Structure formats: structure tokens, C-alpha cells
Amino acid sequence: MVTPSTPRLVVAAPSSGSGKTTVATGLMAAFAARGLAVSPHKVGPDYIDPGYHALATGRTGRNLDAYLCGPELVAPLFLHGARGCDIAVVEGVMGLYDGAAGEGELASTAQVAKLLGAPVVLVVDASAQSRSVAALVHGFVSWDPQVRIGGVILNKVGSARHEELLREALDSVGVPVLGALRRARPVETPSRHLGLVPVAERRALAVSAVSEMAELVSRGCDLPALEALARTAGAVPGGAAPWTPDLSPTHDDPSASAEGPRPRVAVAGGPAFTFSYAEHTELLTAAGAEVVTFDPLHDEELPDGTAGLVIGGGFPEVYAAELSANEPLRKAVAELALSGAPVAAECAGLLYLCRELDGSPMCGVLDATARMAQRLTLGYRDAVAVGDSVLAAAGARMRGHEFHRTVVEPGAGAAPAWGIRSRERRVEGFVQRGVHASYLHTHWASEPGVARRFVERCRTS
């Protein structure tokens, strides 16, 4: 049973590329190998790292995003994920103090650590320094006194002598060295245009990679000391209670309820559609839906009795030929959309609903084409619903995240999905019949009424 004082650690770094994913994932797997039930978490909107965390722990990897969900939900969502666990490991994002651009500490690893009252383990790439490491760590320790850095793990250490010099330098800082990982062949974790290749696409190799991370951390880190540090975390600040989808208020549609028949909601999965938050399925189920997963790469029919369809993010551009070849399913999706049934599509789902993707025919639900682009579109967004849809009432506000290297033309339909407030105001996405398709990734825990509204439309469409 989860308690407000669940032992916990936040694994952070001075910058991206320091090795925190390797250390965090390896630490999760190493703790699990010691017989601990480990709760895995990731700061920010990242969908891929949680897949590796799930392999390491045997539990669902969950995100903690203070921008998408608001700071007030970070601790409740953490406690929800940590139910039944002995210890929790939270992998940070970017550098420790990096967050949403222009928003101060918002959505940074440091903010999440403070919201959880969790000690931080700082992973430092020591490959090109010795005594200077003390100045670096001292700066991170002193920058925000509310962030408790409980230890350092030195990564890419060149030799025994190099390690000795680093440890001597850090003696003056007063932060213990809890591990030293030698410079070695990188763990095989292939990347491409949007980061690591998801677990679903390389299952056997991913299992091997996680095993290597666990061995590396077990060999180079003081696991008992790290566990002891996690146990110094007291009660979660503010007396937060675990989040639950069953008691979530219906913000944008108070009339929606979980009563009535259980409509079947089909959720796209498989290697092409790997981006999703676990809370979405939990919210749909709590709202009264029967959730069934299908794989658009291989399943030629939608699940029997499908009343609504959710197509999240992923890599359809990598599988465009295979998705196009599955013509029976493309036709089934188009027929469902034409019938007026609710369809929610985010990013990859948007591409799949277009006429074509890089010249390969897709579902043809939207009068738009999609193609790969050179420019990466990345960042948090403030959005407002332009009109009524199956997800939101006109004027409803949500926060989201864009992360893609594709372009859809046109970028918005006659009835756009969202108005985006950024440096330049714009509209994007498509609302037609029961379809809501957009590049914007959203976290429904921030507005539980979204799931209830969608399920209610499934009942009545």
C-alpha cells in the first residue's frame, strides 16, 4: 500500500547527454533485481523513456509533467503510480534546472523534486574534467537551497586515478559520491529523428539494453547507499493524496457521467503508435468505456462493436508503407469516421487520418497530406478549443506539447481543433463530424472531463 512517505529518488544531470537515462533505467532494474517493487517515473512529456522504465521494473512507466498537468497534480500522480511499491525512481529531463522556455522553474526536474520532497542524485559526465567537477557540483547544490542534492554519480570515468582525483575534489563540496561508472562502449540504445527507438519496435534488443544498464549500475554504484538516500525522503509536501480517475471532476462537461452502457473504445497500439499516457486508458475506463487495443500494422478490422477510436502518437512515418498496405483497416477507420463516431487523433493519429503520408495512401478521413520535414517542431503550447468537439467545448483551455518532424498541408481544417497561443497566434488541427485530429499531445488527467465527454459521445453517436 502506498504511503505519503514512499522512498524516492530523482535522477538528474547538469545537461542532456550526461547519462541520466542509462543511470535511472539501470538503477530501476538493479533495485528490482534486489527484490524491490520499483515505481518508475519520468519528468516531462517524454513517451519513449517510460517504455524502457517499464521493462526495467515490470510496472507502467508514468510521466510527471508540471506544465501539462499543473504543479498541483505532480504529487498525486506520483502517489497513484507508486501504489504497492517499495521505492520510486524519477528520471529527470534535460538539465536539472531546465524547464518550459520562459517560464522559470516550471516543468523542470528541480521543481518536480521540490514538489515530491525527493533527494536528487546528480549524474555528471566527468569525461573531460577532474578538479573542476567540484565547482560544477557546488554550483548546482547552491543554486536553489530547496533542492536537496543527496549524492553524485560520476559517469564516463577514465581510470582508477581519474576516479580518485574526482572523489578528492568532491570531498570539499560535502556531497557524497554514490557511484562511478567507467568510460566504456555505450549501451546499445539506437536513436533516430525523435530520440530513442521505442521498446515496442525492438523488444529483444531493448531487454538486452536494460540488462546492460542494470549491470553497469550494479557494478559501479553503491546500491545500499542509494536506497538509504531514498528512505530519507519524508512525507510528500502538502499532504497530497493519490490521484484517482474514479473521483476526477468533470471540468468541461458537468453533465457527462460514467453511467449507462459500456461503449467499446478502440485504442491504436503496436510499433507504429507507441505514444500514450497510461492515465488516458484509466480515465476512459473510469468514465464507463471498455477499452480494447488494436495494431493498425496487422489488424485488418477494428475490434467488434467499436463505438469510438483513439489514435495517439508514434512513428507512422517509419511504417507508412505497411500502414498503407493494410487497406481493409484504412477503409474501416474511414467508415467509422464517416458514421460520425468519436475519433480522437494526436500527432501520429493525425497523419494516419490524412489522404497520404509521404506519398503512401492513408485513411483519407481528412482532406490533407502529410510529409516528413527537415525542421523539428518541439515545445509546450497553450491551446483553446476553437469550437465544440468530442473532446472539448468551445473555449475550453488545455496545455499540450508538440513533438514532430512532419508537416500537414493544410495545417488546419475549416473547423480547426485548437487556437495556439505562442509568439504567433495560429489555429491548427481538424474538427469534422466526430473527428478531433491535431498535432497537440495532451494529458487528460489535467482535464478529466475530456475522457468523460468522449465516452458520453460514444454512447450517443
Protein backbone atom coordinates (compact mmCIF):
# COMPACT_ATOMS: atom_id res chain seq x y z
CA MET A 1 0.00 0.00 0.00
CA VAL A 2 1.34 3.42 -0.96
CA THR A 3 2.07 5.91 1.80
CA PRO A 4 2.87 9.64 1.56
CA SER A 5 6.44 8.76 2.58
CA THR A 6 7.26 6.32 -0.24
CA PRO A 7 11.08 6.15 -0.52
CA ARG A 8 12.09 8.02 -3.65
CA LEU A 9 14.98 9.41 -5.67
CA VAL A 10 15.16 11.87 -8.55
CA VAL A 11 17.95 11.16 -11.05
CA ALA A 12 19.05 14.42 -12.68
CA ALA A 13 22.03 15.87 -14.55
CA PRO A 14 23.64 19.21 -15.36
CA SER A 15 22.63 18.82 -19.02
CA SER A 16 21.19 16.44 -21.57
CA GLY A 17 23.63 13.75 -22.69
CA SER A 18 25.16 13.24 -19.25
CA GLY A 19 23.86 9.67 -18.94
CA LYS A 20 20.82 10.06 -16.69
CA THR A 21 18.64 7.71 -18.78
CA THR A 22 21.24 4.95 -18.51
CA VAL A 23 21.66 5.53 -14.77
CA ALA A 24 17.95 5.90 -13.99
CA THR A 25 16.91 2.85 -16.02
CA GLY A 26 19.81 0.79 -14.72
CA LEU A 27 19.04 1.82 -11.15
CA MET A 28 15.40 0.83 -11.55
CA ALA A 29 16.41 -2.60 -12.89
CA ALA A 30 19.08 -3.04 -10.22
CA PHE A 31 16.64 -2.25 -7.41
CA ALA A 32 14.11 -4.63 -8.96
CA ALA A 33 16.76 -7.36 -9.07
CA ARG A 34 17.23 -6.86 -5.32
CA GLY A 35 13.58 -7.81 -4.82
CA LEU A 36 12.14 -4.29 -4.50
CA ALA A 37 8.90 -3.25 -6.16
CA VAL A 38 10.05 -0.18 -8.09
CA SER A 39 7.78 2.62 -9.31
CA PRO A 40 9.22 4.25 -12.47
CA HIS A 41 8.58 7.87 -13.41
CA LYS A 42 9.80 10.39 -15.99
CA VAL A 43 9.75 14.17 -15.73
CA GLY A 44 8.23 15.89 -18.75
CA PRO A 45 6.25 14.76 -21.80
CA ASP A 46 8.66 12.02 -22.98
CA TYR A 47 6.87 8.86 -24.18
CA ILE A 48 9.89 6.70 -25.02
CA ASP A 49 11.93 6.51 -21.81
CA PRO A 50 8.93 5.21 -19.81
CA GLY A 51 8.88 2.17 -22.09
CA TYR A 52 12.42 1.29 -21.01
CA HIS A 53 11.47 2.02 -17.40
CA ALA A 54 8.59 -0.45 -17.71
CA LEU A 55 10.97 -3.14 -18.95
CA ALA A 56 13.30 -2.45 -16.03
CA THR A 57 10.61 -2.66 -13.35
CA GLY A 58 7.69 -4.67 -14.71
CA ARG A 59 5.41 -1.71 -13.94
CA THR A 60 3.88 1.01 -16.10
CA GLY A 61 6.21 3.94 -16.69
CA ARG A 62 4.46 7.22 -15.84
CA ASN A 63 5.12 10.88 -16.59
CA LEU A 64 5.21 13.79 -14.15
CA ASP A 65 4.69 17.00 -16.10
CA ALA A 66 4.04 20.20 -14.18
CA TYR A 67 3.28 22.11 -17.39
CA LEU A 68 0.75 19.73 -18.92
CA CYS A 69 -0.96 18.75 -15.66
CA GLY A 70 -0.15 21.67 -13.37
CA PRO A 71 2.16 21.55 -10.33
CA GLU A 72 -0.75 20.58 -8.10
CA LEU A 73 -1.12 17.19 -9.82
CA VAL A 74 2.55 16.13 -9.74
CA ALA A 75 2.46 14.61 -6.24
CA PRO A 76 -0.99 12.98 -6.63
CA LEU A 77 0.02 11.38 -9.95
CA PHE A 78 3.29 10.21 -8.41
CA LEU A 79 1.47 8.59 -5.48
CA HIS A 80 -1.02 6.98 -7.87
CA GLY A 81 1.83 5.35 -9.80
CA ALA A 82 3.68 4.35 -6.63
CA ARG A 83 0.82 2.30 -5.18
CA GLY A 84 2.13 -1.02 -3.86
CA CYS A 85 5.80 -0.12 -4.40
CA ASP A 86 8.80 -0.22 -2.07
CA ILE A 87 10.74 2.57 -3.77
CA ALA A 88 10.34 5.05 -6.63
CA VAL A 89 12.89 6.35 -9.13
CA VAL A 90 12.14 9.51 -11.10
CA GLU A 91 14.23 10.25 -14.19
CA GLY A 92 14.64 13.96 -14.85
CA VAL A 93 14.55 15.88 -18.12
CA MET A 94 17.30 17.97 -19.73
CA GLY A 95 19.43 19.78 -17.13
CA LEU A 96 18.27 19.86 -13.51
CA TYR A 97 17.04 23.46 -13.64
CA ASP A 98 15.81 23.50 -17.27
CA GLY A 99 12.05 23.77 -17.75
CA ALA A 100 9.44 25.30 -20.02
CA ALA A 101 11.03 28.11 -22.04
CA GLY A 102 10.48 31.50 -20.46
CA GLU A 103 8.55 30.03 -17.50
CA GLY A 104 11.23 29.98 -14.81
CA GLU A 105 11.40 26.66 -12.99
CA LEU A 106 8.04 25.41 -14.36
CA ALA A 107 8.25 21.79 -15.55
CA SER A 108 11.90 21.45 -14.56
CA THR A 109 13.32 18.45 -12.77
CA ALA A 110 14.15 20.75 -9.86
CA GLN A 111 10.52 21.80 -9.50
CA VAL A 112 9.32 18.18 -9.55
CA ALA A 113 11.94 17.22 -6.93
CA LYS A 114 10.66 20.00 -4.66
CA LEU A 115 7.02 19.08 -5.23
CA LEU A 116 7.85 15.50 -4.22
CA GLY A 117 10.24 16.39 -1.40
CA ALA A 118 12.68 13.96 -3.02
CA PRO A 119 16.50 13.90 -2.79
CA VAL A 120 18.32 14.35 -6.09
CA VAL A 121 21.15 12.20 -7.42
CA LEU A 122 23.20 14.24 -9.89
CA VAL A 123 24.74 12.31 -12.80
CA VAL A 124 27.85 14.14 -14.01
CA ASP A 125 29.70 13.47 -17.25
CA ALA A 126 33.25 13.59 -15.87
CA SER A 127 35.00 12.53 -19.07
CA ALA A 128 36.73 15.88 -19.68
CA GLN A 129 37.35 17.22 -16.18
CA SER A 130 38.90 16.44 -12.82
CA ARG A 131 39.05 19.13 -10.10
CA SER A 132 36.56 21.34 -11.96
CA VAL A 133 33.84 18.81 -11.12
CA ALA A 134 33.77 20.31 -7.62
CA ALA A 135 32.91 23.77 -8.96
CA LEU A 136 30.21 22.30 -11.19
CA VAL A 137 28.55 20.31 -8.41
CA HIS A 138 28.91 23.19 -5.93
CA GLY A 139 27.06 25.45 -8.35
CA PHE A 140 24.18 23.00 -8.72
CA VAL A 141 23.99 22.42 -4.97
CA SER A 142 23.93 26.12 -4.09
CA TRP A 143 21.70 27.42 -6.91
CA ASP A 144 18.44 26.55 -5.14
CA PRO A 145 18.69 25.63 -1.44
CA GLN A 146 15.25 23.99 -1.64
CA VAL A 147 16.64 21.34 -3.99
CA ARG A 148 18.43 18.68 -1.93
CA ILE A 149 21.22 17.05 -3.90
CA GLY A 150 21.94 13.95 -1.86
CA GLY A 151 24.71 12.44 -3.95
CA VAL A 152 26.64 12.36 -7.19
CA ILE A 153 27.18 9.57 -9.70
CA LEU A 154 30.26 10.14 -11.85
CA ASN A 155 29.81 8.94 -15.43
CA LYS A 156 32.42 8.19 -18.11
CA VAL A 157 35.29 7.96 -15.65
CA GLY A 158 38.54 7.18 -17.49
CA SER A 159 40.59 5.24 -14.94
CA ALA A 160 41.13 4.47 -11.27
CA ARG A 161 43.40 7.52 -10.99
CA HIS A 162 40.79 9.73 -12.68
CA GLU A 163 38.17 8.50 -10.21
CA GLU A 164 40.49 9.22 -7.29
CA LEU A 165 41.03 12.82 -8.46
CA LEU A 166 37.29 13.35 -8.90
CA ARG A 167 36.49 11.98 -5.45
CA GLU A 168 39.19 14.12 -3.82
CA ALA A 169 37.79 17.24 -5.49
CA LEU A 170 34.24 16.48 -4.39
CA ASP A 171 35.27 15.96 -0.75
CA SER A 172 35.29 19.75 -0.38
CA VAL A 173 31.70 20.07 -1.60
CA GLY A 174 30.23 17.80 1.04
CA VAL A 175 28.14 15.75 -1.40
CA PRO A 176 28.83 12.01 -1.32
CA VAL A 177 29.88 10.13 -4.44
CA LEU A 178 27.40 7.27 -4.74
CA GLY A 179 28.80 5.74 -7.89
CA ALA A 180 31.45 5.93 -10.59
CA LEU A 181 30.78 4.43 -14.00
CA ARG A 182 33.81 3.77 -16.19
CA ARG A 183 34.03 5.02 -19.74
CA ALA A 184 33.02 2.09 -21.91
CA ARG A 185 31.20 1.11 -25.05
CA PRO A 186 27.81 2.84 -24.91
CA VAL A 187 24.83 0.65 -24.17
CA GLU A 188 23.14 -0.14 -27.48
CA THR A 189 20.08 2.13 -27.49
CA PRO A 190 19.51 3.18 -31.12
CA SER A 191 18.12 6.64 -31.84
CA ARG A 192 16.50 8.33 -34.82
CA HIS A 193 14.78 11.62 -35.65
CA LEU A 194 12.72 11.88 -32.43
CA GLY A 195 15.06 10.19 -29.94
CA LEU A 196 15.43 6.59 -28.79
CA VAL A 197 13.71 3.84 -30.75
CA PRO A 198 10.69 2.74 -28.67
CA VAL A 199 10.71 -0.58 -26.84
CA ALA A 200 7.80 -1.92 -28.91
CA GLU A 201 9.95 -1.76 -32.04
CA ARG A 202 12.98 -3.63 -30.65
CA ARG A 203 11.73 -5.78 -27.80
CA ALA A 204 14.57 -8.33 -27.59
CA LEU A 205 17.29 -5.71 -28.07
CA ALA A 206 15.59 -3.41 -25.56
CA VAL A 207 15.56 -6.17 -22.95
CA SER A 208 19.27 -6.71 -23.57
CA ALA A 209 19.97 -2.96 -23.30
CA VAL A 210 18.13 -2.69 -19.97
CA SER A 211 20.07 -5.69 -18.68
CA GLU A 212 23.36 -3.99 -19.64
CA MET A 213 22.27 -0.78 -17.88
CA ALA A 214 21.44 -2.75 -14.73
CA GLU A 215 24.83 -4.50 -14.77
CA LEU A 216 26.66 -1.20 -15.32
CA VAL A 217 24.88 0.50 -12.41
CA SER A 218 25.15 -2.51 -10.09
CA ARG A 219 28.88 -2.73 -10.72
CA GLY A 220 29.63 0.97 -10.38
CA CYS A 221 27.14 2.31 -7.82
CA ASP A 222 26.60 1.90 -4.09
CA LEU A 223 23.08 0.49 -4.21
CA PRO A 224 22.62 0.24 -0.42
CA ALA A 225 23.62 3.90 -0.06
CA LEU A 226 21.25 4.94 -2.85
CA GLU A 227 18.40 3.01 -1.25
CA ALA A 228 19.23 4.59 2.11
CA LEU A 229 19.14 8.04 0.50
CA ALA A 230 15.72 7.30 -0.98
CA ARG A 231 14.48 6.40 2.50
CA THR A 232 15.41 9.85 3.81
CA ALA A 233 12.51 11.34 1.84
CA GLY A 234 9.80 12.31 4.30
CA ALA A 235 6.12 12.83 3.66
CA VAL A 236 5.21 14.32 0.29
CA PRO A 237 4.79 18.08 0.85
CA GLY A 238 1.28 19.45 1.15
CA GLY A 239 -0.36 16.25 2.33
CA ALA A 240 -1.19 15.13 -1.22
CA ALA A 241 -3.43 12.10 -1.72
CA PRO A 242 -3.05 9.67 -4.65
CA TRP A 243 -4.79 10.70 -7.85
CA THR A 244 -7.66 8.51 -8.96
CA PRO A 245 -9.58 8.56 -12.25
CA ASP A 246 -12.77 7.46 -10.48
CA LEU A 247 -13.21 10.65 -8.46
CA SER A 248 -11.98 13.12 -11.07
CA PRO A 249 -14.27 16.13 -11.54
CA THR A 250 -15.79 16.80 -14.97
CA HIS A 251 -14.45 20.28 -15.67
CA ASP A 252 -15.71 20.98 -19.18
CA ASP A 253 -18.86 18.84 -19.27
CA PRO A 254 -20.60 18.50 -15.87
CA SER A 255 -23.48 16.58 -17.42
CA ALA A 256 -21.23 13.69 -18.50
CA SER A 257 -21.31 10.61 -16.29
CA ALA A 258 -19.99 7.07 -16.13
CA GLU A 259 -23.49 5.61 -16.01
CA GLY A 260 -25.14 3.78 -18.90
CA PRO A 261 -23.94 1.16 -21.39
CA ARG A 262 -20.21 0.49 -21.71
CA PRO A 263 -19.20 1.60 -25.22
CA ARG A 264 -16.17 -0.08 -26.70
CA VAL A 265 -13.30 2.33 -27.38
CA ALA A 266 -10.54 1.05 -29.66
CA VAL A 267 -7.07 2.44 -28.90
CA ALA A 268 -4.31 2.15 -31.51
CA GLY A 269 -1.14 0.39 -30.36
CA GLY A 270 1.70 -1.66 -31.79
CA PRO A 271 5.08 -0.41 -33.07
CA ALA A 272 3.62 2.48 -35.11
CA PHE A 273 1.59 4.01 -32.26
CA THR A 274 3.58 3.84 -29.05
CA PHE A 275 2.97 7.31 -27.58
CA SER A 276 0.30 7.31 -24.89
CA TYR A 277 -0.18 8.15 -21.24
CA ALA A 278 -1.45 5.33 -19.02
CA GLU A 279 -3.89 7.72 -17.35
CA HIS A 280 -5.83 8.11 -20.62
CA THR A 281 -6.89 4.48 -20.64
CA GLU A 282 -7.62 4.64 -16.90
CA LEU A 283 -9.81 7.70 -17.39
CA LEU A 284 -11.69 6.15 -20.31
CA THR A 285 -12.33 3.02 -18.25
CA ALA A 286 -13.44 5.04 -15.23
CA ALA A 287 -15.79 7.00 -17.48
CA GLY A 288 -17.52 3.76 -18.39
CA ALA A 289 -15.75 2.61 -21.56
CA GLU A 290 -14.48 -0.84 -22.43
CA VAL A 291 -11.00 -0.15 -23.81
CA VAL A 292 -9.59 -2.53 -26.43
CA THR A 293 -6.16 -2.17 -28.06
CA PHE A 294 -5.54 -2.95 -31.74
CA ASP A 295 -2.49 -2.79 -34.01
CA PRO A 296 -3.00 -0.84 -37.28
CA LEU A 297 0.02 -2.59 -38.78
CA HIS A 298 -1.51 -6.06 -38.57
CA ASP A 299 -5.21 -5.99 -37.63
CA GLU A 300 -7.40 -5.78 -40.72
CA GLU A 301 -10.55 -4.90 -38.76
CA LEU A 302 -11.40 -2.65 -35.87
CA PRO A 303 -12.45 -4.54 -32.72
CA ASP A 304 -16.04 -5.76 -32.93
CA GLY A 305 -18.51 -3.19 -31.69
CA THR A 306 -16.10 -0.25 -31.80
CA ALA A 307 -18.03 2.89 -30.83
CA GLY A 308 -15.07 5.27 -30.59
CA LEU A 309 -11.46 5.40 -31.71
CA VAL A 310 -8.34 6.87 -30.08
CA ILE A 311 -5.15 7.09 -32.17
CA GLY A 312 -2.26 8.56 -30.25
CA GLY A 313 1.29 9.41 -31.19
CA GLY A 314 4.12 7.34 -32.57
CA PHE A 315 6.04 6.81 -35.79
CA PRO A 316 3.66 6.23 -38.72
CA GLU A 317 6.26 7.87 -40.98
CA VAL A 318 8.56 4.90 -40.31
CA TYR A 319 5.79 2.43 -41.14
CA ALA A 320 3.98 4.35 -43.88
CA ALA A 321 4.27 1.53 -46.44
CA GLU A 322 2.98 -1.12 -44.02
CA LEU A 323 0.12 1.06 -42.77
CA SER A 324 -0.83 1.85 -46.36
CA ALA A 325 -0.74 -1.83 -47.32
CA ASN A 326 -3.37 -2.60 -44.65
CA GLU A 327 -6.17 -1.30 -46.87
CA PRO A 328 -9.02 -3.14 -45.10
CA LEU A 329 -8.28 -1.35 -41.82
CA ARG A 330 -7.83 2.02 -43.52
CA LYS A 331 -11.29 1.62 -45.03
CA ALA A 332 -12.76 0.54 -41.68
CA VAL A 333 -11.34 3.64 -39.98
CA ALA A 334 -12.71 5.88 -42.75
CA GLU A 335 -16.17 4.28 -42.49
CA LEU A 336 -16.22 4.70 -38.71
CA ALA A 337 -15.28 8.37 -39.03
CA LEU A 338 -17.86 8.91 -41.77
CA SER A 339 -20.55 7.45 -39.50
CA GLY A 340 -19.95 10.28 -37.01
CA ALA A 341 -18.45 8.08 -34.30
CA PRO A 342 -15.99 9.87 -31.98
CA VAL A 343 -12.38 9.73 -33.20
CA ALA A 344 -9.56 11.39 -31.24
CA ALA A 345 -6.23 11.56 -33.08
CA GLU A 346 -2.99 13.10 -31.81
CA CYS A 347 0.11 13.72 -33.94
CA ALA A 348 0.72 10.26 -35.45
CA GLY A 349 -3.03 9.74 -35.43
CA LEU A 350 -3.43 12.97 -37.38
CA LEU A 351 -1.00 11.71 -40.03
CA TYR A 352 -2.82 8.38 -40.26
CA LEU A 353 -6.14 10.12 -40.95
CA CYS A 354 -4.72 12.18 -43.85
CA ARG A 355 -5.13 11.28 -47.52
CA GLU A 356 -1.48 10.29 -47.76
CA LEU A 357 1.81 10.29 -45.85
CA ASP A 358 4.98 10.74 -47.91
CA GLY A 359 3.03 9.57 -50.95
CA SER A 360 1.58 6.45 -49.32
CA PRO A 361 -2.24 6.38 -49.11
CA MET A 362 -3.61 6.64 -45.57
CA CYS A 363 -7.20 6.61 -44.30
CA GLY A 364 -8.41 9.64 -46.24
CA VAL A 365 -10.60 10.90 -43.41
CA LEU A 366 -9.03 14.37 -43.67
CA ASP A 367 -8.57 16.34 -46.86
CA ALA A 368 -4.89 16.88 -46.14
CA THR A 369 -1.50 15.40 -46.94
CA ALA A 370 1.46 14.76 -44.64
CA ARG A 371 5.18 14.57 -45.30
CA MET A 372 8.50 14.41 -43.48
CA ALA A 373 10.29 17.73 -42.98
CA GLN A 374 13.79 18.85 -42.03
CA ARG A 375 12.67 21.08 -39.18
CA LEU A 376 11.85 19.67 -35.75
CA THR A 377 8.76 21.20 -34.15
CA LEU A 378 9.10 20.95 -30.38
CA GLY A 379 7.65 22.72 -27.39
CA TYR A 380 4.86 23.28 -24.92
CA ARG A 381 1.71 25.01 -26.14
CA ASP A 382 -1.23 26.84 -24.57
CA ALA A 383 -4.37 25.99 -26.54
CA VAL A 384 -8.04 26.91 -26.62
CA ALA A 385 -10.77 24.87 -28.31
CA VAL A 386 -11.98 26.86 -31.34
CA GLY A 387 -15.35 25.11 -31.43
CA ASP A 388 -17.25 22.23 -29.87
CA SER A 389 -15.83 18.76 -30.45
CA VAL A 390 -15.91 15.26 -28.98
CA LEU A 391 -13.07 16.28 -26.65
CA ALA A 392 -13.87 19.81 -25.54
CA ALA A 393 -16.46 22.56 -25.56
CA ALA A 394 -15.70 25.77 -27.42
CA GLY A 395 -13.48 28.00 -25.34
CA ALA A 396 -12.04 25.19 -23.19
CA ARG A 397 -8.36 25.71 -22.45
CA MET A 398 -5.74 23.00 -22.37
CA ARG A 399 -1.99 22.78 -22.33
CA GLY A 400 -0.23 20.48 -24.73
CA HIS A 401 3.09 19.56 -26.31
CA GLU A 402 4.21 19.35 -29.93
CA PHE A 403 6.98 16.96 -30.96
CA HIS A 404 7.26 16.06 -34.64
CA ARG A 405 9.34 16.34 -37.78
CA THR A 406 6.46 16.26 -40.23
CA VAL A 407 4.19 18.81 -41.92
CA VAL A 408 0.47 18.51 -42.66
CA GLU A 409 -0.94 20.62 -45.50
CA PRO A 410 -3.21 22.39 -44.89
CA GLY A 411 -2.37 22.74 -41.18
CA ALA A 412 -6.00 23.33 -40.19
CA GLY A 413 -9.43 22.48 -41.50
CA ALA A 414 -12.48 24.69 -41.99
CA ALA A 415 -13.21 23.96 -38.33
CA PRO A 416 -9.81 23.93 -36.56
CA ALA A 417 -9.20 21.91 -33.41
CA TRP A 418 -7.17 24.44 -31.42
CA GLY A 419 -6.14 28.03 -31.32
CA ILE A 420 -2.50 28.10 -30.20
CA ARG A 421 -1.21 30.97 -28.11
CA SER A 422 2.50 31.35 -28.80
CA ARG A 423 4.78 34.00 -30.27
CA GLU A 424 2.43 33.99 -33.25
CA ARG A 425 -1.22 33.10 -32.74
CA ARG A 426 -2.42 30.37 -35.06
CA VAL A 427 -5.02 27.68 -35.48
CA GLU A 428 -4.28 24.03 -36.15
CA GLY A 429 -5.95 20.66 -36.43
CA PHE A 430 -9.28 19.44 -37.71
CA VAL A 431 -12.78 19.01 -36.29
CA GLN A 432 -15.33 17.35 -38.57
CA ARG A 433 -18.27 15.15 -37.65
CA GLY A 434 -16.96 13.19 -34.64
CA VAL A 435 -13.27 13.61 -35.53
CA HIS A 436 -10.84 15.66 -33.47
CA ALA A 437 -7.35 15.50 -35.04
CA SER A 438 -4.38 17.61 -34.02
CA TYR A 439 -0.60 17.65 -33.60
CA LEU A 440 -1.05 18.56 -29.96
CA HIS A 441 -0.29 15.89 -27.34
CA THR A 442 -2.40 16.49 -24.22
CA HIS A 443 -2.53 14.84 -20.82
CA TRP A 444 -6.16 14.14 -19.95
CA ALA A 445 -5.50 13.95 -16.22
CA SER A 446 -5.33 17.75 -16.33
CA GLU A 447 -8.92 17.90 -17.63
CA PRO A 448 -10.67 14.60 -16.80
CA GLY A 449 -13.85 15.90 -18.42
CA VAL A 450 -12.20 15.20 -21.79
CA ALA A 451 -12.41 11.43 -21.29
CA ARG A 452 -15.92 11.57 -19.86
CA ARG A 453 -17.12 13.78 -22.73
CA PHE A 454 -15.58 11.40 -25.28
CA VAL A 455 -17.18 8.31 -23.72
CA GLU A 456 -20.55 10.02 -23.47
CA ARG A 457 -20.37 10.86 -27.18
CA CYS A 458 -19.55 7.19 -27.85
CA ARG A 459 -22.80 6.28 -26.12
CA THR A 460 -24.93 8.71 -28.04
CA SER A 461 -23.38 8.85 -31.53
